Amino acid sequence: MDSRYLLIFLLLLPAVEGLVIGEERPSLLDTVVITNEKWPDCIAAVEYAHNMDGVILQTHGDRLDPTVESLVKAIAPKRIVIVGGPLAVSYDVEKRLKSYGDVIRVWGPTRVETREEVLKRVDEKKDLVLVNGTNFREALEVISWGYSPLYCFINIYDPEDVVRVYREDGIVELYSFKSRRLIGQYPRKYVLEIPGKILVLGRSPDMDVKFTNNRYIAKFGYKLLDLEGVPLDPSCGYLVVVEENTPSGVLLSRYLDIPVVYSSEDLEKEGVISFEKDPINSSVTVAVDILVLKRTLELYRRSGDLKQALYEAKTQLWSKNIPVERYNIPYPCLEMYVDGNFK
């Protein structure tokens, strides 16, 4: 062999030996759930993601956020579950995600049906409570008390602004008095007139639910839950604080098993876990938190040294391009998580 070609072969040999044809990268997590940047589908997916030991990443509805894409690539999941229809998460996003794992989509025509479809895939269901599907605070209130929200739509109209036509076939037509345009057609049982208001239950889910935390929804025959607030006495001294722009924080509260509350200025800053007020960035932070939790627990089972396990977990994940600098879980919460899962 010509000595020049032999030299080139020897120089390339180490790189060639480092490649294994057909080898699959190990998954850091089996399941990654993708939703858009709005809160309803993210909240709808929390129980499913937790049961699957996965994470939720939010992205733009019409394009895959680069940071999210990078994290999905690093995780190398076995399955990617899109929660939401093609109007919520586009086919272009779905096509791009197929580069990183098997993709399935769980959805319905509206957030109401999407939530129902997700619940069908959850084995252990908590008590369901009907909430206004456009009110994040009502949904979170239900979650903070250990219930599971089920969405519906409730609309309230001024009788002086709406013309009602009660048809013989049981359908009620509502028209705007000013524009004379049709507002909608509804079954008679979903339209209720009370003094000074017309209530319309725009969509009632096809599931067995008896309770609600909305006083107007309760007028349609549901029992009103008396929820006055969340007891702020977690055993580790911390709370997860979320709002419309940080809904993935609910998933972290499930992993840590500590209370979740709506954003409040009254809470002590040192006693809360909060996130940047951006749904995509906060979902990445939550995903990193969960990845670090899981890897730390795995390493702790081998070594018995929690601080060393945390350091090694961050180092290992950093080497896999996980942005561990986002990790923000207080050490007492980590200790509680490890104690609760160590067997």
C-alpha atoms as a PDB file:
ATOM      1  CA  MET A   1       0.000   0.000   0.000  1.00  0.00           C
ATOM      2  CA  ASP A   2       1.248   3.497  -0.845  1.00  0.00           C
ATOM      3  CA  SER A   3       2.695   5.057   2.302  1.00  0.00           C
ATOM      4  CA  ARG A   4       0.573   8.198   1.835  1.00  0.00           C
ATOM      5  CA  TYR A   5      -2.690   6.211   1.909  1.00  0.00           C
ATOM      6  CA  LEU A   6      -1.467   4.178   4.878  1.00  0.00           C
ATOM      7  CA  LEU A   7      -0.824   7.393   6.837  1.00  0.00           C
ATOM      8  CA  ILE A   8      -4.317   8.736   6.064  1.00  0.00           C
ATOM      9  CA  PHE A   9      -5.896   5.406   7.108  1.00  0.00           C
ATOM     10  CA  LEU A  10      -4.038   5.385  10.415  1.00  0.00           C
ATOM     11  CA  LEU A  11      -5.073   8.986  11.154  1.00  0.00           C
ATOM     12  CA  LEU A  12      -8.730   8.197  10.539  1.00  0.00           C
ATOM     13  CA  LEU A  13      -8.773   4.879  12.403  1.00  0.00           C
ATOM     14  CA  PRO A  14      -9.632   6.238  15.899  1.00  0.00           C
ATOM     15  CA  ALA A  15     -12.607   8.118  14.527  1.00  0.00           C
ATOM     16  CA  VAL A  16     -13.829   5.095  12.602  1.00  0.00           C
ATOM     17  CA  GLU A  17     -13.532   2.855  15.650  1.00  0.00           C
ATOM     18  CA  GLY A  18     -15.714   5.275  17.611  1.00  0.00           C
ATOM     19  CA  LEU A  19     -18.655   4.701  15.284  1.00  0.00           C
ATOM     20  CA  VAL A  20     -21.019   1.786  15.633  1.00  0.00           C
ATOM     21  CA  ILE A  21     -23.181   1.398  12.568  1.00  0.00           C
ATOM     22  CA  GLY A  22     -26.874   1.203  13.430  1.00  0.00           C
ATOM     23  CA  GLU A  23     -26.381   1.933  17.125  1.00  0.00           C
ATOM     24  CA  GLU A  24     -29.256   3.848  18.749  1.00  0.00           C
ATOM     25  CA  ARG A  25     -28.627   6.570  21.278  1.00  0.00           C
ATOM     26  CA  PRO A  26     -29.988   5.649  24.726  1.00  0.00           C
ATOM     27  CA  SER A  27     -33.072   7.607  25.735  1.00  0.00           C
ATOM     28  CA  LEU A  28     -32.877   9.848  28.771  1.00  0.00           C
ATOM     29  CA  LEU A  29     -36.679   9.563  28.931  1.00  0.00           C
ATOM     30  CA  ASP A  30     -39.071   7.280  27.098  1.00  0.00           C
ATOM     31  CA  THR A  31     -41.752   9.935  26.630  1.00  0.00           C
ATOM     32  CA  VAL A  32     -41.758  13.605  25.733  1.00  0.00           C
ATOM     33  CA  VAL A  33     -45.103  15.400  25.450  1.00  0.00           C
ATOM     34  CA  ILE A  34     -45.364  18.396  23.146  1.00  0.00           C
ATOM     35  CA  THR A  35     -48.051  21.097  23.414  1.00  0.00           C
ATOM     36  CA  ASN A  36     -48.347  24.639  22.133  1.00  0.00           C
ATOM     37  CA  GLU A  37     -47.582  27.684  24.259  1.00  0.00           C
ATOM     38  CA  LYS A  38     -51.157  28.032  25.568  1.00  0.00           C
ATOM     39  CA  TRP A  39     -52.022  26.605  28.989  1.00  0.00           C
ATOM     40  CA  PRO A  40     -55.126  24.402  28.320  1.00  0.00           C
ATOM     41  CA  ASP A  41     -53.397  21.538  26.480  1.00  0.00           C
ATOM     42  CA  CYS A  42     -50.358  21.692  28.773  1.00  0.00           C
ATOM     43  CA  ILE A  43     -52.551  21.340  31.871  1.00  0.00           C
ATOM     44  CA  ALA A  44     -54.566  18.633  30.096  1.00  0.00           C
ATOM     45  CA  ALA A  45     -51.377  16.614  29.585  1.00  0.00           C
ATOM     46  CA  VAL A  46     -49.942  16.775  33.129  1.00  0.00           C
ATOM     47  CA  GLU A  47     -51.366  13.496  34.473  1.00  0.00           C
ATOM     48  CA  TYR A  48     -50.406  11.611  31.342  1.00  0.00           C
ATOM     49  CA  ALA A  49     -46.838  12.948  31.311  1.00  0.00           C
ATOM     50  CA  HIS A  50     -46.414  12.145  35.005  1.00  0.00           C
ATOM     51  CA  ASN A  51     -47.771   8.610  34.639  1.00  0.00           C
ATOM     52  CA  MET A  52     -45.394   8.033  31.732  1.00  0.00           C
ATOM     53  CA  ASP A  53     -42.423   9.400  33.733  1.00  0.00           C
ATOM     54  CA  GLY A  54     -42.000  11.970  31.007  1.00  0.00           C
ATOM     55  CA  VAL A  55     -41.848  15.718  30.532  1.00  0.00           C
ATOM     56  CA  ILE A  56     -43.917  18.349  28.754  1.00  0.00           C
ATOM     57  CA  LEU A  57     -42.300  20.790  26.360  1.00  0.00           C
ATOM     58  CA  GLN A  58     -44.268  23.710  24.992  1.00  0.00           C
ATOM     59  CA  THR A  59     -43.507  25.227  21.614  1.00  0.00           C
ATOM     60  CA  HIS A  60     -44.943  27.645  19.099  1.00  0.00           C
ATOM     61  CA  GLY A  61     -47.994  26.238  17.392  1.00  0.00           C
ATOM     62  CA  ASP A  62     -46.639  26.822  13.887  1.00  0.00           C
ATOM     63  CA  ARG A  63     -42.932  26.134  14.390  1.00  0.00           C
ATOM     64  CA  LEU A  64     -40.671  24.088  16.630  1.00  0.00           C
ATOM     65  CA  ASP A  65     -38.752  26.281  19.037  1.00  0.00           C
ATOM     66  CA  PRO A  66     -34.959  25.744  18.577  1.00  0.00           C
ATOM     67  CA  THR A  67     -34.315  25.304  22.317  1.00  0.00           C
ATOM     68  CA  VAL A  68     -37.107  22.747  22.561  1.00  0.00           C
ATOM     69  CA  GLU A  69     -35.841  20.942  19.474  1.00  0.00           C
ATOM     70  CA  SER A  70     -32.334  20.788  20.910  1.00  0.00           C
ATOM     71  CA  LEU A  71     -33.650  19.317  24.155  1.00  0.00           C
ATOM     72  CA  VAL A  72     -35.803  16.728  22.368  1.00  0.00           C
ATOM     73  CA  LYS A  73     -32.746  15.695  20.360  1.00  0.00           C
ATOM     74  CA  ALA A  74     -30.662  15.376  23.539  1.00  0.00           C
ATOM     75  CA  ILE A  75     -33.347  13.332  25.317  1.00  0.00           C
ATOM     76  CA  ALA A  76     -33.783  11.015  22.307  1.00  0.00           C
ATOM     77  CA  PRO A  77     -37.227   9.798  23.485  1.00  0.00           C
ATOM     78  CA  LYS A  78     -38.762   6.550  22.322  1.00  0.00           C
ATOM     79  CA  ARG A  79     -42.075   8.313  21.771  1.00  0.00           C
ATOM     80  CA  ILE A  80     -43.161  11.900  21.269  1.00  0.00           C
ATOM     81  CA  VAL A  81     -46.800  12.617  22.098  1.00  0.00           C
ATOM     82  CA  ILE A  82     -48.364  15.753  20.662  1.00  0.00           C
ATOM     83  CA  VAL A  83     -51.356  16.909  22.700  1.00  0.00           C
ATOM     84  CA  GLY A  84     -53.588  19.129  20.587  1.00  0.00           C
ATOM     85  CA  GLY A  85     -54.928  19.195  17.057  1.00  0.00           C
ATOM     86  CA  PRO A  86     -53.178  20.485  13.932  1.00  0.00           C
ATOM     87  CA  LEU A  87     -54.451  24.005  14.626  1.00  0.00           C
ATOM     88  CA  ALA A  88     -52.756  23.865  18.037  1.00  0.00           C
ATOM     89  CA  VAL A  89     -49.534  22.150  16.895  1.00  0.00           C
ATOM     90  CA  SER A  90     -49.046  22.246  13.138  1.00  0.00           C
ATOM     91  CA  TYR A  91     -48.219  19.373  10.818  1.00  0.00           C
ATOM     92  CA  ASP A  92     -44.899  21.119  10.105  1.00  0.00           C
ATOM     93  CA  VAL A  93     -43.961  20.787  13.773  1.00  0.00           C
ATOM     94  CA  GLU A  94     -45.089  17.160  13.753  1.00  0.00           C
ATOM     95  CA  LYS A  95     -42.983  16.432  10.669  1.00  0.00           C
ATOM     96  CA  ARG A  96     -39.907  17.959  12.271  1.00  0.00           C
ATOM     97  CA  LEU A  97     -40.428  16.001  15.492  1.00  0.00           C
ATOM     98  CA  LYS A  98     -40.466  12.737  13.546  1.00  0.00           C
ATOM     99  CA  SER A  99     -36.722  13.186  13.115  1.00  0.00           C
ATOM    100  CA  TYR A 100     -36.291  12.486  16.834  1.00  0.00           C
ATOM    101  CA  GLY A 101     -38.678   9.635  17.648  1.00  0.00           C
ATOM    102  CA  ASP A 102     -42.003   7.978  16.978  1.00  0.00           C
ATOM    103  CA  VAL A 103     -44.748  10.612  17.042  1.00  0.00           C
ATOM    104  CA  ILE A 104     -48.392  10.162  17.982  1.00  0.00           C
ATOM    105  CA  ARG A 105     -51.056  12.829  18.376  1.00  0.00           C
ATOM    106  CA  VAL A 106     -53.826  12.959  20.996  1.00  0.00           C
ATOM    107  CA  TRP A 107     -56.503  15.532  20.285  1.00  0.00           C
ATOM    108  CA  GLY A 108     -60.103  16.573  19.793  1.00  0.00           C
ATOM    109  CA  PRO A 109     -61.873  19.403  17.944  1.00  0.00           C
ATOM    110  CA  THR A 110     -61.651  21.699  20.998  1.00  0.00           C
ATOM    111  CA  ARG A 111     -59.743  21.811  24.283  1.00  0.00           C
ATOM    112  CA  VAL A 112     -62.760  20.116  25.870  1.00  0.00           C
ATOM    113  CA  GLU A 113     -62.493  16.993  23.701  1.00  0.00           C
ATOM    114  CA  THR A 114     -58.688  17.033  23.790  1.00  0.00           C
ATOM    115  CA  ARG A 115     -58.800  16.898  27.582  1.00  0.00           C
ATOM    116  CA  GLU A 116     -61.229  13.971  27.396  1.00  0.00           C
ATOM    117  CA  GLU A 117     -58.959  12.087  24.981  1.00  0.00           C
ATOM    118  CA  VAL A 118     -55.975  12.563  27.295  1.00  0.00           C
ATOM    119  CA  LEU A 119     -57.945  11.323  30.308  1.00  0.00           C
ATOM    120  CA  LYS A 120     -58.837   8.138  28.442  1.00  0.00           C
ATOM    121  CA  ARG A 121     -55.118   7.296  28.422  1.00  0.00           C
ATOM    122  CA  VAL A 122     -54.635   7.858  32.157  1.00  0.00           C
ATOM    123  CA  ASP A 123     -55.128   4.712  34.233  1.00  0.00           C
ATOM    124  CA  GLU A 124     -55.535   6.330  37.641  1.00  0.00           C
ATOM    125  CA  LYS A 125     -58.075   9.140  37.543  1.00  0.00           C
ATOM    126  CA  LYS A 126     -58.672  11.562  40.375  1.00  0.00           C
ATOM    127  CA  ASP A 127     -62.098  12.994  41.114  1.00  0.00           C
ATOM    128  CA  LEU A 128     -63.153  15.085  38.126  1.00  0.00           C
ATOM    129  CA  VAL A 129     -64.335  18.664  38.548  1.00  0.00           C
ATOM    130  CA  LEU A 130     -65.903  20.706  35.763  1.00  0.00           C
ATOM    131  CA  VAL A 131     -64.127  24.025  35.265  1.00  0.00           C
ATOM    132  CA  ASN A 132     -64.406  26.971  32.923  1.00  0.00           C
ATOM    133  CA  GLY A 133     -61.982  25.955  30.179  1.00  0.00           C
ATOM    134  CA  THR A 134     -61.026  29.575  29.569  1.00  0.00           C
ATOM    135  CA  ASN A 135     -60.116  30.357  33.186  1.00  0.00           C
ATOM    136  CA  PHE A 136     -56.662  29.182  34.241  1.00  0.00           C
ATOM    137  CA  ARG A 137     -57.091  30.165  37.868  1.00  0.00           C
ATOM    138  CA  GLU A 138     -60.194  27.976  38.219  1.00  0.00           C
ATOM    139  CA  ALA A 139     -58.374  25.010  36.668  1.00  0.00           C
ATOM    140  CA  LEU A 140     -55.388  25.472  38.976  1.00  0.00           C
ATOM    141  CA  GLU A 141     -57.619  25.798  42.037  1.00  0.00           C
ATOM    142  CA  VAL A 142     -59.030  22.351  41.318  1.00  0.00           C
ATOM    143  CA  ILE A 143     -55.547  20.890  40.840  1.00  0.00           C
ATOM    144  CA  SER A 144     -54.234  22.471  44.047  1.00  0.00           C
ATOM    145  CA  TRP A 145     -56.908  20.634  46.016  1.00  0.00           C
ATOM    146  CA  GLY A 146     -56.048  17.270  44.494  1.00  0.00           C
ATOM    147  CA  TYR A 147     -58.851  17.092  41.929  1.00  0.00           C
ATOM    148  CA  SER A 148     -58.624  16.728  38.172  1.00  0.00           C
ATOM    149  CA  PRO A 149     -60.064  19.497  35.963  1.00  0.00           C
ATOM    150  CA  LEU A 150     -62.443  18.727  33.134  1.00  0.00           C
ATOM    151  CA  TYR A 151     -63.044  21.596  30.735  1.00  0.00           C
ATOM    152  CA  CYS A 152     -66.290  23.120  29.527  1.00  0.00           C
ATOM    153  CA  PHE A 153     -67.265  26.498  28.126  1.00  0.00           C
ATOM    154  CA  ILE A 154     -69.589  28.851  30.024  1.00  0.00           C
ATOM    155  CA  ASN A 155     -70.796  32.077  28.408  1.00  0.00           C
ATOM    156  CA  ILE A 156     -72.741  34.821  30.168  1.00  0.00           C
ATOM    157  CA  TYR A 157     -74.875  37.311  28.257  1.00  0.00           C
ATOM    158  CA  ASP A 158     -76.923  40.359  29.136  1.00  0.00           C
ATOM    159  CA  PRO A 159     -80.571  39.605  28.317  1.00  0.00           C
ATOM    160  CA  GLU A 160     -80.960  43.093  26.855  1.00  0.00           C
ATOM    161  CA  ASP A 161     -78.215  42.371  24.291  1.00  0.00           C
ATOM    162  CA  VAL A 162     -79.451  38.963  23.124  1.00  0.00           C
ATOM    163  CA  VAL A 163     -82.532  37.803  21.251  1.00  0.00           C
ATOM    164  CA  ARG A 164     -83.598  34.242  22.155  1.00  0.00           C
ATOM    165  CA  VAL A 165     -85.559  31.951  19.857  1.00  0.00           C
ATOM    166  CA  TYR A 166     -86.814  28.762  21.525  1.00  0.00           C
ATOM    167  CA  ARG A 167     -87.546  26.270  18.752  1.00  0.00           C
ATOM    168  CA  GLU A 168     -89.983  23.381  19.018  1.00  0.00           C
ATOM    169  CA  ASP A 169     -87.202  20.864  18.371  1.00  0.00           C
ATOM    170  CA  GLY A 170     -85.502  21.807  21.666  1.00  0.00           C
ATOM    171  CA  ILE A 171     -82.844  24.069  20.149  1.00  0.00           C
ATOM    172  CA  VAL A 172     -82.313  27.635  21.344  1.00  0.00           C
ATOM    173  CA  GLU A 173     -80.990  30.217  18.903  1.00  0.00           C
ATOM    174  CA  LEU A 174     -79.226  33.270  20.295  1.00  0.00           C
ATOM    175  CA  TYR A 175     -78.806  36.434  18.214  1.00  0.00           C
ATOM    176  CA  SER A 176     -76.952  39.647  18.934  1.00  0.00           C
ATOM    177  CA  PHE A 177     -79.556  42.393  19.300  1.00  0.00           C
ATOM    178  CA  LYS A 178     -77.317  45.069  17.803  1.00  0.00           C
ATOM    179  CA  SER A 179     -75.817  43.199  14.846  1.00  0.00           C
ATOM    180  CA  ARG A 180     -78.695  40.722  14.423  1.00  0.00           C
ATOM    181  CA  ARG A 181     -76.104  38.031  13.833  1.00  0.00           C
ATOM    182  CA  LEU A 182     -76.410  34.489  15.127  1.00  0.00           C
ATOM    183  CA  ILE A 183     -74.387  33.878  18.276  1.00  0.00           C
ATOM    184  CA  GLY A 184     -75.035  30.146  18.316  1.00  0.00           C
ATOM    185  CA  GLN A 185     -77.512  27.276  18.537  1.00  0.00           C
ATOM    186  CA  TYR A 186     -77.663  25.219  21.717  1.00  0.00           C
ATOM    187  CA  PRO A 187     -79.711  22.390  23.224  1.00  0.00           C
ATOM    188  CA  ARG A 188     -82.341  23.777  25.585  1.00  0.00           C
ATOM    189  CA  LYS A 189     -80.732  22.139  28.628  1.00  0.00           C
ATOM    190  CA  TYR A 190     -77.562  24.188  28.054  1.00  0.00           C
ATOM    191  CA  VAL A 191     -79.329  27.572  28.131  1.00  0.00           C
ATOM    192  CA  LEU A 192     -80.480  29.021  31.435  1.00  0.00           C
ATOM    193  CA  GLU A 193     -82.048  32.401  32.114  1.00  0.00           C
ATOM    194  CA  ILE A 194     -81.583  33.854  35.585  1.00  0.00           C
ATOM    195  CA  PRO A 195     -82.288  37.405  36.764  1.00  0.00           C
ATOM    196  CA  GLY A 196     -80.076  39.743  34.774  1.00  0.00           C
ATOM    197  CA  LYS A 197     -78.144  37.007  32.954  1.00  0.00           C
ATOM    198  CA  ILE A 198     -78.370  34.364  30.253  1.00  0.00           C
ATOM    199  CA  LEU A 199     -76.081  31.406  30.925  1.00  0.00           C
ATOM    200  CA  VAL A 200     -74.959  29.169  28.088  1.00  0.00           C
ATOM    201  CA  LEU A 201     -73.018  25.984  28.706  1.00  0.00           C
ATOM    202  CA  GLY A 202     -71.300  25.958  25.348  1.00  0.00           C
ATOM    203  CA  ARG A 203     -69.841  22.472  25.644  1.00  0.00           C
ATOM    204  CA  SER A 204     -70.414  19.828  28.295  1.00  0.00           C
ATOM    205  CA  PRO A 205     -67.965  16.884  28.269  1.00  0.00           C
ATOM    206  CA  ASP A 206     -69.233  13.374  27.733  1.00  0.00           C
ATOM    207  CA  MET A 207     -67.863  12.048  31.030  1.00  0.00           C
ATOM    208  CA  ASP A 208     -69.257  11.316  34.473  1.00  0.00           C
ATOM    209  CA  VAL A 209     -68.691  14.485  36.468  1.00  0.00           C
ATOM    210  CA  LYS A 210     -70.769  15.812  39.368  1.00  0.00           C
ATOM    211  CA  PHE A 211     -68.815  18.749  40.763  1.00  0.00           C
ATOM    212  CA  THR A 212     -67.718  22.211  39.677  1.00  0.00           C
ATOM    213  CA  ASN A 213     -65.963  25.160  41.278  1.00  0.00           C
ATOM    214  CA  ASN A 214     -67.784  27.712  39.108  1.00  0.00           C
ATOM    215  CA  ARG A 215     -70.960  29.188  40.549  1.00  0.00           C
ATOM    216  CA  TYR A 216     -72.556  29.669  37.138  1.00  0.00           C
ATOM    217  CA  ILE A 217     -71.786  26.142  35.938  1.00  0.00           C
ATOM    218  CA  ALA A 218     -73.288  24.885  39.214  1.00  0.00           C
ATOM    219  CA  LYS A 219     -76.670  26.291  38.176  1.00  0.00           C
ATOM    220  CA  PHE A 220     -76.884  23.555  35.526  1.00  0.00           C
ATOM    221  CA  GLY A 221     -77.164  20.883  38.216  1.00  0.00           C
ATOM    222  CA  TYR A 222     -73.546  20.353  39.272  1.00  0.00           C
ATOM    223  CA  LYS A 223     -72.581  20.436  42.927  1.00  0.00           C
ATOM    224  CA  LEU A 224     -70.515  23.474  43.871  1.00  0.00           C
ATOM    225  CA  LEU A 225     -67.271  22.697  45.681  1.00  0.00           C
ATOM    226  CA  ASP A 226     -66.386  25.042  48.516  1.00  0.00           C
ATOM    227  CA  LEU A 227     -62.740  25.821  47.833  1.00  0.00           C
ATOM    228  CA  GLU A 228     -61.447  28.726  49.879  1.00  0.00           C
ATOM    229  CA  GLY A 229     -57.719  28.387  49.258  1.00  0.00           C
ATOM    230  CA  VAL A 230     -54.712  26.119  49.485  1.00  0.00           C
ATOM    231  CA  PRO A 231     -53.234  25.192  52.873  1.00  0.00           C
ATOM    232  CA  LEU A 232     -49.730  26.661  52.657  1.00  0.00           C
ATOM    233  CA  ASP A 233     -47.982  24.159  54.900  1.00  0.00           C
ATOM    234  CA  PRO A 234     -45.913  21.832  52.692  1.00  0.00           C
ATOM    235  CA  SER A 235     -43.665  19.455  54.598  1.00  0.00           C
ATOM    236  CA  CYS A 236     -40.511  20.679  52.864  1.00  0.00           C
ATOM    237  CA  GLY A 237     -41.446  24.342  53.286  1.00  0.00           C
ATOM    238  CA  TYR A 238     -41.776  25.042  49.558  1.00  0.00           C
ATOM    239  CA  LEU A 239     -44.533  25.627  47.012  1.00  0.00           C
ATOM    240  CA  VAL A 240     -44.571  25.585  43.233  1.00  0.00           C
ATOM    241  CA  VAL A 241     -46.024  28.866  41.993  1.00  0.00           C
ATOM    242  CA  VAL A 242     -47.496  28.919  38.489  1.00  0.00           C
ATOM    243  CA  GLU A 243     -49.608  31.164  36.300  1.00  0.00           C
ATOM    244  CA  GLU A 244     -50.896  31.172  32.722  1.00  0.00           C
ATOM    245  CA  ASN A 245     -47.390  31.604  31.317  1.00  0.00           C
ATOM    246  CA  THR A 246     -45.807  28.839  33.415  1.00  0.00           C
ATOM    247  CA  PRO A 247     -48.317  25.933  33.352  1.00  0.00           C
ATOM    248  CA  SER A 248     -45.664  23.209  33.094  1.00  0.00           C
ATOM    249  CA  GLY A 249     -44.787  23.988  36.712  1.00  0.00           C
ATOM    250  CA  VAL A 250     -47.807  21.861  37.648  1.00  0.00           C
ATOM    251  CA  LEU A 251     -45.923  18.808  36.362  1.00  0.00           C
ATOM    252  CA  LEU A 252     -42.945  19.591  38.591  1.00  0.00           C
ATOM    253  CA  SER A 253     -45.257  19.841  41.596  1.00  0.00           C
ATOM    254  CA  ARG A 254     -46.483  16.322  40.784  1.00  0.00           C
ATOM    255  CA  TYR A 255     -42.944  14.943  40.693  1.00  0.00           C
ATOM    256  CA  LEU A 256     -41.927  16.707  43.909  1.00  0.00           C
ATOM    257  CA  ASP A 257     -45.307  16.028  45.550  1.00  0.00           C
ATOM    258  CA  ILE A 258     -45.548  19.546  46.927  1.00  0.00           C
ATOM    259  CA  PRO A 259     -48.466  21.995  46.627  1.00  0.00           C
ATOM    260  CA  VAL A 260     -48.994  24.143  43.566  1.00  0.00           C
ATOM    261  CA  VAL A 261     -50.559  27.594  43.903  1.00  0.00           C
ATOM    262  CA  TYR A 262     -51.487  30.484  41.665  1.00  0.00           C
ATOM    263  CA  SER A 263     -49.013  33.357  41.541  1.00  0.00           C
ATOM    264  CA  SER A 264     -49.339  35.538  44.634  1.00  0.00           C
ATOM    265  CA  GLU A 265     -47.329  38.476  45.912  1.00  0.00           C
ATOM    266  CA  ASP A 266     -48.145  37.400  49.469  1.00  0.00           C
ATOM    267  CA  LEU A 267     -45.924  34.317  49.276  1.00  0.00           C
ATOM    268  CA  GLU A 268     -42.417  34.443  50.663  1.00  0.00           C
ATOM    269  CA  LYS A 269     -39.859  34.472  47.835  1.00  0.00           C
ATOM    270  CA  GLU A 270     -37.550  32.025  49.608  1.00  0.00           C
ATOM    271  CA  GLY A 271     -40.376  29.547  50.036  1.00  0.00           C
ATOM    272  CA  VAL A 272     -41.431  29.144  46.437  1.00  0.00           C
ATOM    273  CA  ILE A 273     -40.238  27.546  43.233  1.00  0.00           C
ATOM    274  CA  SER A 274     -41.096  29.867  40.369  1.00  0.00           C
ATOM    275  CA  PHE A 275     -40.193  30.153  36.696  1.00  0.00           C
ATOM    276  CA  GLU A 276     -39.478  32.725  34.035  1.00  0.00           C
ATOM    277  CA  LYS A 277     -42.774  34.079  32.743  1.00  0.00           C
ATOM    278  CA  ASP A 278     -42.583  32.435  29.358  1.00  0.00           C
ATOM    279  CA  PRO A 279     -44.309  29.112  28.635  1.00  0.00           C
ATOM    280  CA  ILE A 280     -41.613  27.720  26.338  1.00  0.00           C
ATOM    281  CA  ASN A 281     -38.634  28.668  28.513  1.00  0.00           C
ATOM    282  CA  SER A 282     -40.351  27.576  31.718  1.00  0.00           C
ATOM    283  CA  SER A 283     -41.247  24.194  30.198  1.00  0.00           C
ATOM    284  CA  VAL A 284     -37.582  23.686  29.303  1.00  0.00           C
ATOM    285  CA  THR A 285     -36.592  24.530  32.886  1.00  0.00           C
ATOM    286  CA  VAL A 286     -39.150  22.090  34.295  1.00  0.00           C
ATOM    287  CA  ALA A 287     -37.930  19.374  31.924  1.00  0.00           C
ATOM    288  CA  VAL A 288     -34.329  19.961  33.027  1.00  0.00           C
ATOM    289  CA  ASP A 289     -35.406  19.839  36.683  1.00  0.00           C
ATOM    290  CA  ILE A 290     -37.084  16.472  36.134  1.00  0.00           C
ATOM    291  CA  LEU A 291     -34.118  15.059  34.204  1.00  0.00           C
ATOM    292  CA  VAL A 292     -31.750  16.073  37.009  1.00  0.00           C
ATOM    293  CA  LEU A 293     -34.097  14.636  39.641  1.00  0.00           C
ATOM    294  CA  LYS A 294     -34.282  11.297  37.905  1.00  0.00           C
ATOM    295  CA  ARG A 295     -30.568  10.987  37.210  1.00  0.00           C
ATOM    296  CA  THR A 296     -29.651  12.101  40.751  1.00  0.00           C
ATOM    297  CA  LEU A 297     -31.942   9.454  42.226  1.00  0.00           C
ATOM    298  CA  GLU A 298     -30.381   6.786  40.019  1.00  0.00           C
ATOM    299  CA  LEU A 299     -26.847   7.749  41.050  1.00  0.00           C
ATOM    300  CA  TYR A 300     -27.783   8.100  44.721  1.00  0.00           C
ATOM    301  CA  ARG A 301     -29.020   4.518  44.776  1.00  0.00           C
ATOM    302  CA  ARG A 302     -25.505   3.456  43.853  1.00  0.00           C
ATOM    303  CA  SER A 303     -23.449   5.800  46.018  1.00  0.00           C
ATOM    304  CA  GLY A 304     -25.616   6.888  48.948  1.00  0.00           C
ATOM    305  CA  ASP A 305     -24.079  10.372  48.742  1.00  0.00           C
ATOM    306  CA  LEU A 306     -26.769  12.832  47.621  1.00  0.00           C
ATOM    307  CA  LYS A 307     -24.583  15.866  47.023  1.00  0.00           C
ATOM    308  CA  GLN A 308     -22.121  13.836  44.994  1.00  0.00           C
ATOM    309  CA  ALA A 309     -24.993  12.221  43.078  1.00  0.00           C
ATOM    310  CA  LEU A 310     -26.409  15.659  42.219  1.00  0.00           C
ATOM    311  CA  TYR A 311     -23.016  16.870  41.015  1.00  0.00           C
ATOM    312  CA  GLU A 312     -22.475  13.780  38.884  1.00  0.00           C
ATOM    313  CA  ALA A 313     -26.016  13.949  37.498  1.00  0.00           C
ATOM    314  CA  LYS A 314     -25.493  17.514  36.319  1.00  0.00           C
ATOM    315  CA  THR A 315     -22.123  16.633  34.834  1.00  0.00           C
ATOM    316  CA  GLN A 316     -23.460  13.628  32.941  1.00  0.00           C
ATOM    317  CA  LEU A 317     -26.469  15.505  31.604  1.00  0.00           C
ATOM    318  CA  TRP A 318     -24.320  18.493  30.656  1.00  0.00           C
ATOM    319  CA  SER A 319     -22.190  16.152  28.538  1.00  0.00           C
ATOM    320  CA  LYS A 320     -25.375  15.187  26.669  1.00  0.00           C
ATOM    321  CA  ASN A 321     -26.172  18.839  25.874  1.00  0.00           C
ATOM    322  CA  ILE A 322     -28.829  19.203  28.567  1.00  0.00           C
ATOM    323  CA  PRO A 323     -28.824  22.845  29.817  1.00  0.00           C
ATOM    324  CA  VAL A 324     -28.350  21.933  33.480  1.00  0.00           C
ATOM    325  CA  GLU A 325     -27.659  25.571  34.359  1.00  0.00           C
ATOM    326  CA  ARG A 326     -31.461  25.953  34.356  1.00  0.00           C
ATOM    327  CA  TYR A 327     -31.858  23.556  37.295  1.00  0.00           C
ATOM    328  CA  ASN A 328     -33.579  25.469  40.120  1.00  0.00           C
ATOM    329  CA  ILE A 329     -34.866  22.972  42.699  1.00  0.00           C
ATOM    330  CA  PRO A 330     -33.980  23.841  46.334  1.00  0.00           C
ATOM    331  CA  TYR A 331     -31.918  21.153  48.030  1.00  0.00           C
ATOM    332  CA  PRO A 332     -34.576  20.333  50.692  1.00  0.00           C
ATOM    333  CA  CYS A 333     -37.017  19.501  47.894  1.00  0.00           C
ATOM    334  CA  LEU A 334     -34.434  17.250  46.279  1.00  0.00           C
ATOM    335  CA  GLU A 335     -33.915  15.467  49.612  1.00  0.00           C
ATOM    336  CA  MET A 336     -37.650  14.938  49.984  1.00  0.00           C
ATOM    337  CA  TYR A 337     -37.936  13.636  46.421  1.00  0.00           C
ATOM    338  CA  VAL A 338     -35.114  11.148  46.965  1.00  0.00           C
ATOM    339  CA  ASP A 339     -36.507   9.992  50.329  1.00  0.00           C
ATOM    340  CA  GLY A 340     -39.930   9.492  48.792  1.00  0.00           C
ATOM    341  CA  ASN A 341     -38.596   7.416  45.891  1.00  0.00           C
ATOM    342  CA  PHE A 342     -35.665   5.591  47.473  1.00  0.00           C
ATOM    343  CA  LYS A 343     -36.343   1.897  47.951  1.00  0.00           C
END
